[in-house]
Structures are given as C-alpha cells and as structure tokens.
N, C-alpha and C. Protein backbone atom coordinates (compact mmCIF):
# COMPACT_ATOMS: atom_id res chain seq x y z
N MET A 1 14.15 13.36 45.86
CA MET A 1 14.95 12.42 45.14
C MET A 1 14.09 11.75 44.07
N LYS A 2 14.60 11.64 42.85
CA LYS A 2 13.85 11.04 41.74
C LYS A 2 13.95 9.52 41.79
N ASN A 3 12.91 8.91 41.30
CA ASN A 3 12.89 7.46 41.21
C ASN A 3 13.54 7.06 39.88
N GLN A 4 14.69 6.40 39.93
CA GLN A 4 15.46 6.04 38.74
C GLN A 4 14.70 5.08 37.83
N LYS A 5 13.95 4.13 38.41
CA LYS A 5 13.19 3.17 37.61
C LYS A 5 12.10 3.88 36.81
N THR A 6 11.42 4.83 37.43
CA THR A 6 10.37 5.57 36.74
C THR A 6 10.95 6.38 35.59
N ASP A 7 12.08 7.05 35.81
CA ASP A 7 12.72 7.84 34.76
C ASP A 7 13.14 6.95 33.59
N ASN A 8 13.72 5.80 33.87
CA ASN A 8 14.15 4.88 32.81
C ASN A 8 12.96 4.32 32.04
N ALA A 9 11.89 3.99 32.74
CA ALA A 9 10.69 3.46 32.08
C ALA A 9 10.07 4.52 31.18
N ARG A 10 10.00 5.76 31.67
CA ARG A 10 9.44 6.86 30.88
C ARG A 10 10.29 7.11 29.63
N ARG A 11 11.59 7.10 29.79
CA ARG A 11 12.51 7.33 28.68
C ARG A 11 12.34 6.24 27.61
N SER A 12 12.27 4.98 28.03
CA SER A 12 12.10 3.87 27.10
C SER A 12 10.77 3.97 26.36
N PHE A 13 9.72 4.33 27.08
CA PHE A 13 8.40 4.48 26.46
C PHE A 13 8.41 5.57 25.39
N LEU A 14 8.99 6.72 25.72
CA LEU A 14 9.04 7.83 24.77
C LEU A 14 9.89 7.50 23.54
N LYS A 15 10.97 6.78 23.73
CA LYS A 15 11.79 6.36 22.59
C LYS A 15 11.00 5.43 21.67
N GLY A 16 10.22 4.54 22.26
CA GLY A 16 9.39 3.61 21.47
C GLY A 16 8.33 4.35 20.68
N ILE A 17 7.68 5.33 21.29
CA ILE A 17 6.64 6.11 20.61
C ILE A 17 7.25 6.91 19.47
N ALA A 18 8.40 7.48 19.67
CA ALA A 18 9.04 8.30 18.64
C ALA A 18 9.42 7.47 17.42
N ALA A 19 9.65 6.19 17.58
CA ALA A 19 10.07 5.34 16.47
C ALA A 19 8.91 4.90 15.58
N ILE A 20 7.68 4.96 16.06
CA ILE A 20 6.53 4.47 15.30
C ILE A 20 6.37 5.16 13.95
N PRO A 21 6.34 6.50 13.87
CA PRO A 21 6.19 7.12 12.55
C PRO A 21 7.34 6.80 11.60
N VAL A 22 8.54 6.70 12.10
CA VAL A 22 9.70 6.41 11.26
C VAL A 22 9.56 5.03 10.65
N VAL A 23 9.14 4.05 11.42
CA VAL A 23 8.96 2.70 10.91
C VAL A 23 7.86 2.68 9.86
N SER A 24 6.74 3.37 10.09
CA SER A 24 5.64 3.40 9.14
C SER A 24 6.05 4.04 7.82
N ILE A 25 6.73 5.16 7.88
CA ILE A 25 7.16 5.85 6.67
C ILE A 25 8.17 5.01 5.92
N ALA A 26 9.10 4.40 6.63
CA ALA A 26 10.12 3.57 5.98
C ALA A 26 9.48 2.38 5.28
N GLY A 27 8.48 1.78 5.87
CA GLY A 27 7.80 0.64 5.25
C GLY A 27 7.11 1.04 3.96
N PHE A 28 6.47 2.20 3.93
CA PHE A 28 5.80 2.66 2.72
C PHE A 28 6.81 2.98 1.64
N GLN A 29 7.88 3.66 1.98
CA GLN A 29 8.87 4.02 0.97
C GLN A 29 9.52 2.76 0.39
N THR A 30 9.76 1.76 1.19
CA THR A 30 10.37 0.53 0.69
C THR A 30 9.47 -0.13 -0.34
N ALA A 31 8.18 -0.22 -0.07
CA ALA A 31 7.25 -0.85 -1.01
C ALA A 31 7.16 -0.04 -2.29
N ALA A 32 7.11 1.28 -2.17
CA ALA A 32 7.01 2.14 -3.35
C ALA A 32 8.29 2.08 -4.18
N GLN A 33 9.44 2.08 -3.52
CA GLN A 33 10.71 2.06 -4.24
C GLN A 33 10.94 0.71 -4.92
N ALA A 34 10.35 -0.33 -4.38
CA ALA A 34 10.51 -1.66 -4.96
C ALA A 34 9.53 -1.87 -6.11
N GLY A 35 8.92 -0.80 -6.57
CA GLY A 35 7.97 -0.91 -7.67
C GLY A 35 6.64 -1.46 -7.21
N GLY A 36 6.35 -1.31 -5.92
CA GLY A 36 5.09 -1.78 -5.40
C GLY A 36 5.01 -3.28 -5.23
N HIS A 37 6.12 -3.95 -4.99
CA HIS A 37 6.12 -5.39 -4.85
C HIS A 37 5.99 -5.81 -3.39
N GLY A 38 5.12 -5.13 -2.63
CA GLY A 38 4.86 -5.51 -1.25
C GLY A 38 3.88 -6.67 -1.22
N THR A 39 3.51 -7.08 -0.03
CA THR A 39 2.54 -8.17 0.10
C THR A 39 1.14 -7.61 -0.11
N MET A 40 0.26 -8.43 -0.60
CA MET A 40 -1.12 -8.00 -0.84
C MET A 40 -1.84 -7.79 0.49
N LEU A 41 -2.63 -6.74 0.54
CA LEU A 41 -3.43 -6.45 1.72
C LEU A 41 -4.57 -7.46 1.80
N SER A 42 -4.77 -8.02 2.96
CA SER A 42 -5.87 -8.95 3.18
C SER A 42 -7.09 -8.17 3.68
N VAL A 43 -8.26 -8.57 3.23
CA VAL A 43 -9.48 -7.92 3.73
C VAL A 43 -9.67 -8.22 5.21
N ASP A 44 -8.94 -9.21 5.74
CA ASP A 44 -9.01 -9.55 7.16
C ASP A 44 -8.04 -8.75 8.02
N ASP A 45 -7.16 -7.94 7.39
CA ASP A 45 -6.24 -7.08 8.12
C ASP A 45 -7.06 -6.13 8.99
N PRO A 46 -6.68 -5.93 10.25
CA PRO A 46 -7.46 -5.07 11.15
C PRO A 46 -7.68 -3.65 10.60
N THR A 47 -6.65 -3.05 10.00
CA THR A 47 -6.81 -1.71 9.44
C THR A 47 -7.74 -1.74 8.24
N ALA A 48 -7.60 -2.75 7.40
CA ALA A 48 -8.47 -2.90 6.24
C ALA A 48 -9.93 -3.03 6.67
N LYS A 49 -10.17 -3.83 7.69
CA LYS A 49 -11.53 -4.00 8.21
C LYS A 49 -12.08 -2.68 8.74
N ALA A 50 -11.25 -1.96 9.50
CA ALA A 50 -11.69 -0.70 10.09
C ALA A 50 -12.06 0.34 9.03
N LEU A 51 -11.37 0.28 7.88
CA LEU A 51 -11.63 1.24 6.81
C LEU A 51 -12.57 0.70 5.74
N GLY A 52 -13.12 -0.49 5.95
CA GLY A 52 -14.08 -1.06 5.01
C GLY A 52 -13.48 -1.43 3.67
N TYR A 53 -12.20 -1.85 3.65
CA TYR A 53 -11.54 -2.21 2.39
C TYR A 53 -12.16 -3.46 1.78
N VAL A 54 -12.44 -3.39 0.49
CA VAL A 54 -12.89 -4.54 -0.29
C VAL A 54 -12.03 -4.62 -1.54
N GLU A 55 -11.84 -5.80 -2.07
CA GLU A 55 -10.98 -5.98 -3.24
C GLU A 55 -11.65 -5.56 -4.54
N THR A 56 -12.98 -5.49 -4.55
CA THR A 56 -13.72 -5.03 -5.71
C THR A 56 -14.76 -4.03 -5.24
N SER A 57 -14.65 -2.79 -5.69
CA SER A 57 -15.53 -1.71 -5.25
C SER A 57 -16.97 -1.96 -5.68
N VAL A 58 -17.88 -1.61 -4.80
CA VAL A 58 -19.31 -1.65 -5.13
C VAL A 58 -19.88 -0.23 -5.16
N VAL A 59 -18.99 0.76 -5.05
CA VAL A 59 -19.39 2.16 -5.07
C VAL A 59 -19.11 2.70 -6.48
N ALA A 60 -20.14 3.09 -7.18
CA ALA A 60 -20.00 3.54 -8.57
C ALA A 60 -19.00 4.69 -8.69
N GLY A 61 -18.05 4.53 -9.61
CA GLY A 61 -17.08 5.58 -9.91
C GLY A 61 -15.97 5.76 -8.89
N LYS A 62 -15.92 4.92 -7.87
CA LYS A 62 -14.88 5.04 -6.85
C LYS A 62 -14.15 3.71 -6.70
N ASN A 63 -12.85 3.74 -6.95
CA ASN A 63 -12.01 2.56 -6.72
C ASN A 63 -10.60 3.03 -6.42
N CYS A 64 -9.74 2.12 -6.03
CA CYS A 64 -8.37 2.47 -5.67
C CYS A 64 -7.63 3.14 -6.82
N ALA A 65 -7.86 2.68 -8.05
CA ALA A 65 -7.14 3.22 -9.21
C ALA A 65 -7.41 4.71 -9.41
N ASN A 66 -8.59 5.20 -9.00
CA ASN A 66 -8.86 6.63 -9.17
C ASN A 66 -8.87 7.38 -7.83
N CYS A 67 -8.16 6.81 -6.85
CA CYS A 67 -8.00 7.44 -5.53
C CYS A 67 -6.65 8.13 -5.46
N ASN A 68 -6.60 9.28 -4.84
CA ASN A 68 -5.37 10.06 -4.72
C ASN A 68 -4.32 9.37 -3.85
N LEU A 69 -4.73 8.44 -2.99
CA LEU A 69 -3.80 7.75 -2.09
C LEU A 69 -3.12 6.55 -2.75
N TYR A 70 -3.65 6.10 -3.88
CA TYR A 70 -3.13 4.95 -4.62
C TYR A 70 -1.96 5.40 -5.48
N THR A 71 -0.83 4.70 -5.39
CA THR A 71 0.35 5.11 -6.15
C THR A 71 0.79 4.05 -7.16
N GLY A 72 -0.11 3.15 -7.50
CA GLY A 72 0.21 2.14 -8.51
C GLY A 72 0.26 2.78 -9.89
N ALA A 73 0.91 2.11 -10.81
CA ALA A 73 1.03 2.61 -12.18
C ALA A 73 -0.34 2.60 -12.87
N VAL A 74 -0.54 3.56 -13.76
CA VAL A 74 -1.78 3.63 -14.52
C VAL A 74 -1.94 2.32 -15.31
N GLY A 75 -3.10 1.72 -15.22
CA GLY A 75 -3.37 0.48 -15.93
C GLY A 75 -2.97 -0.78 -15.18
N SER A 76 -2.32 -0.64 -14.03
CA SER A 76 -1.92 -1.82 -13.26
C SER A 76 -3.13 -2.40 -12.51
N THR A 77 -3.04 -3.66 -12.15
CA THR A 77 -4.14 -4.31 -11.43
C THR A 77 -3.97 -4.22 -9.92
N LYS A 78 -2.76 -3.80 -9.48
CA LYS A 78 -2.50 -3.65 -8.05
C LYS A 78 -1.39 -2.62 -7.86
N GLY A 79 -1.31 -2.07 -6.65
CA GLY A 79 -0.26 -1.10 -6.36
C GLY A 79 -0.28 -0.69 -4.91
N PRO A 80 0.72 0.11 -4.48
CA PRO A 80 0.79 0.57 -3.10
C PRO A 80 -0.24 1.66 -2.80
N CYS A 81 -0.57 1.78 -1.54
CA CYS A 81 -1.51 2.80 -1.06
C CYS A 81 -0.92 3.44 0.20
N ALA A 82 -1.03 4.74 0.30
CA ALA A 82 -0.48 5.48 1.44
C ALA A 82 -1.15 5.08 2.76
N ILE A 83 -2.35 4.60 2.72
CA ILE A 83 -3.07 4.21 3.93
C ILE A 83 -2.55 2.89 4.50
N PHE A 84 -2.05 2.02 3.63
CA PHE A 84 -1.59 0.69 4.04
C PHE A 84 -0.11 0.51 3.72
N PRO A 85 0.79 1.10 4.52
CA PRO A 85 2.22 1.04 4.24
C PRO A 85 2.75 -0.39 4.08
N GLY A 86 3.53 -0.60 3.01
CA GLY A 86 4.14 -1.89 2.76
C GLY A 86 3.21 -2.93 2.18
N LYS A 87 1.98 -2.55 1.89
CA LYS A 87 0.99 -3.49 1.35
C LYS A 87 0.55 -3.03 -0.04
N MET A 88 0.11 -3.99 -0.83
CA MET A 88 -0.44 -3.72 -2.15
C MET A 88 -1.96 -3.86 -2.06
N VAL A 89 -2.67 -3.01 -2.79
CA VAL A 89 -4.13 -3.10 -2.87
C VAL A 89 -4.52 -3.34 -4.32
N THR A 90 -5.71 -3.87 -4.54
CA THR A 90 -6.17 -4.07 -5.91
C THR A 90 -6.64 -2.73 -6.47
N ALA A 91 -6.35 -2.48 -7.73
CA ALA A 91 -6.78 -1.25 -8.38
C ALA A 91 -8.30 -1.15 -8.39
N ALA A 92 -8.98 -2.28 -8.42
CA ALA A 92 -10.45 -2.31 -8.43
C ALA A 92 -11.04 -2.19 -7.04
N GLY A 93 -10.20 -2.17 -6.00
CA GLY A 93 -10.66 -2.13 -4.62
C GLY A 93 -11.22 -0.78 -4.20
N TYR A 94 -11.60 -0.70 -2.93
CA TYR A 94 -12.17 0.53 -2.38
C TYR A 94 -12.09 0.47 -0.86
N CYS A 95 -11.90 1.65 -0.24
CA CYS A 95 -12.04 1.76 1.22
C CYS A 95 -12.64 3.12 1.54
N ASN A 96 -13.02 3.31 2.78
CA ASN A 96 -13.69 4.55 3.20
C ASN A 96 -12.78 5.77 3.22
N SER A 97 -11.49 5.60 2.96
CA SER A 97 -10.56 6.72 2.91
C SER A 97 -10.39 7.26 1.50
N TRP A 98 -11.19 6.80 0.55
CA TRP A 98 -11.09 7.19 -0.85
C TRP A 98 -11.14 8.71 -1.00
N ILE A 99 -10.19 9.26 -1.78
CA ILE A 99 -10.10 10.69 -2.10
C ILE A 99 -9.94 10.78 -3.61
N PRO A 100 -10.72 11.61 -4.30
CA PRO A 100 -10.59 11.67 -5.76
C PRO A 100 -9.19 12.06 -6.20
N LYS A 101 -8.70 11.40 -7.23
CA LYS A 101 -7.38 11.68 -7.79
C LYS A 101 -7.41 13.07 -8.43
N MET A 102 -6.39 13.83 -8.16
CA MET A 102 -6.33 15.20 -8.70
C MET A 102 -5.44 15.26 -9.90
C-alpha cells in the first residue's frame, strides 16, 4: 500500500522544481521587452557576488557592453544581462561570466 502523504509531498516538490526555469525565463523576457527597464543589479546580490560582478570593470578590454550576454542597446550606460534575469547591469561593469561579443 502506498503512503498518500509521501506521494502528495513528492508531487508538490516536483511541480515546484518544474516551475523554476519558467519563472526565470519569464523574468528575463519581461525586462528585455520593457526596453531593459528592470531594477539595477546590486553588487551585494548573492549571484552578483558569486560571479564577481563589479559596476566598473578593472579588466582591460572586458566589460558588459562588449559581452555576448549583455543585451543593452549600443551606446547605452545600462542594460539587461542573460545571467541576471530581470536586472539591469552597467555597460561599464564586468563579471566572471564575460564572453566576447560575436
């Protein structure tokens, strides 16, 4: 005989896990569709800290504006980044996920 409480708990857990990517993608698309008018990323944000995000790059030739993950308009001072859904980063910023713009 199956334990009904265990089955319900497992089902709820799996539903919650399945929703995580959808929420993340939706948050990024909303910020991008709004012309990048999300909230500014704080250097104190846990993800920003983990990736070494700074608002002004100290690495020669590498900044958010010339990163492939940055989707802000050319010449803008801030814009959305695929790494930080729903947040804006400074074009002059940098993090350890930097990938050259192609």
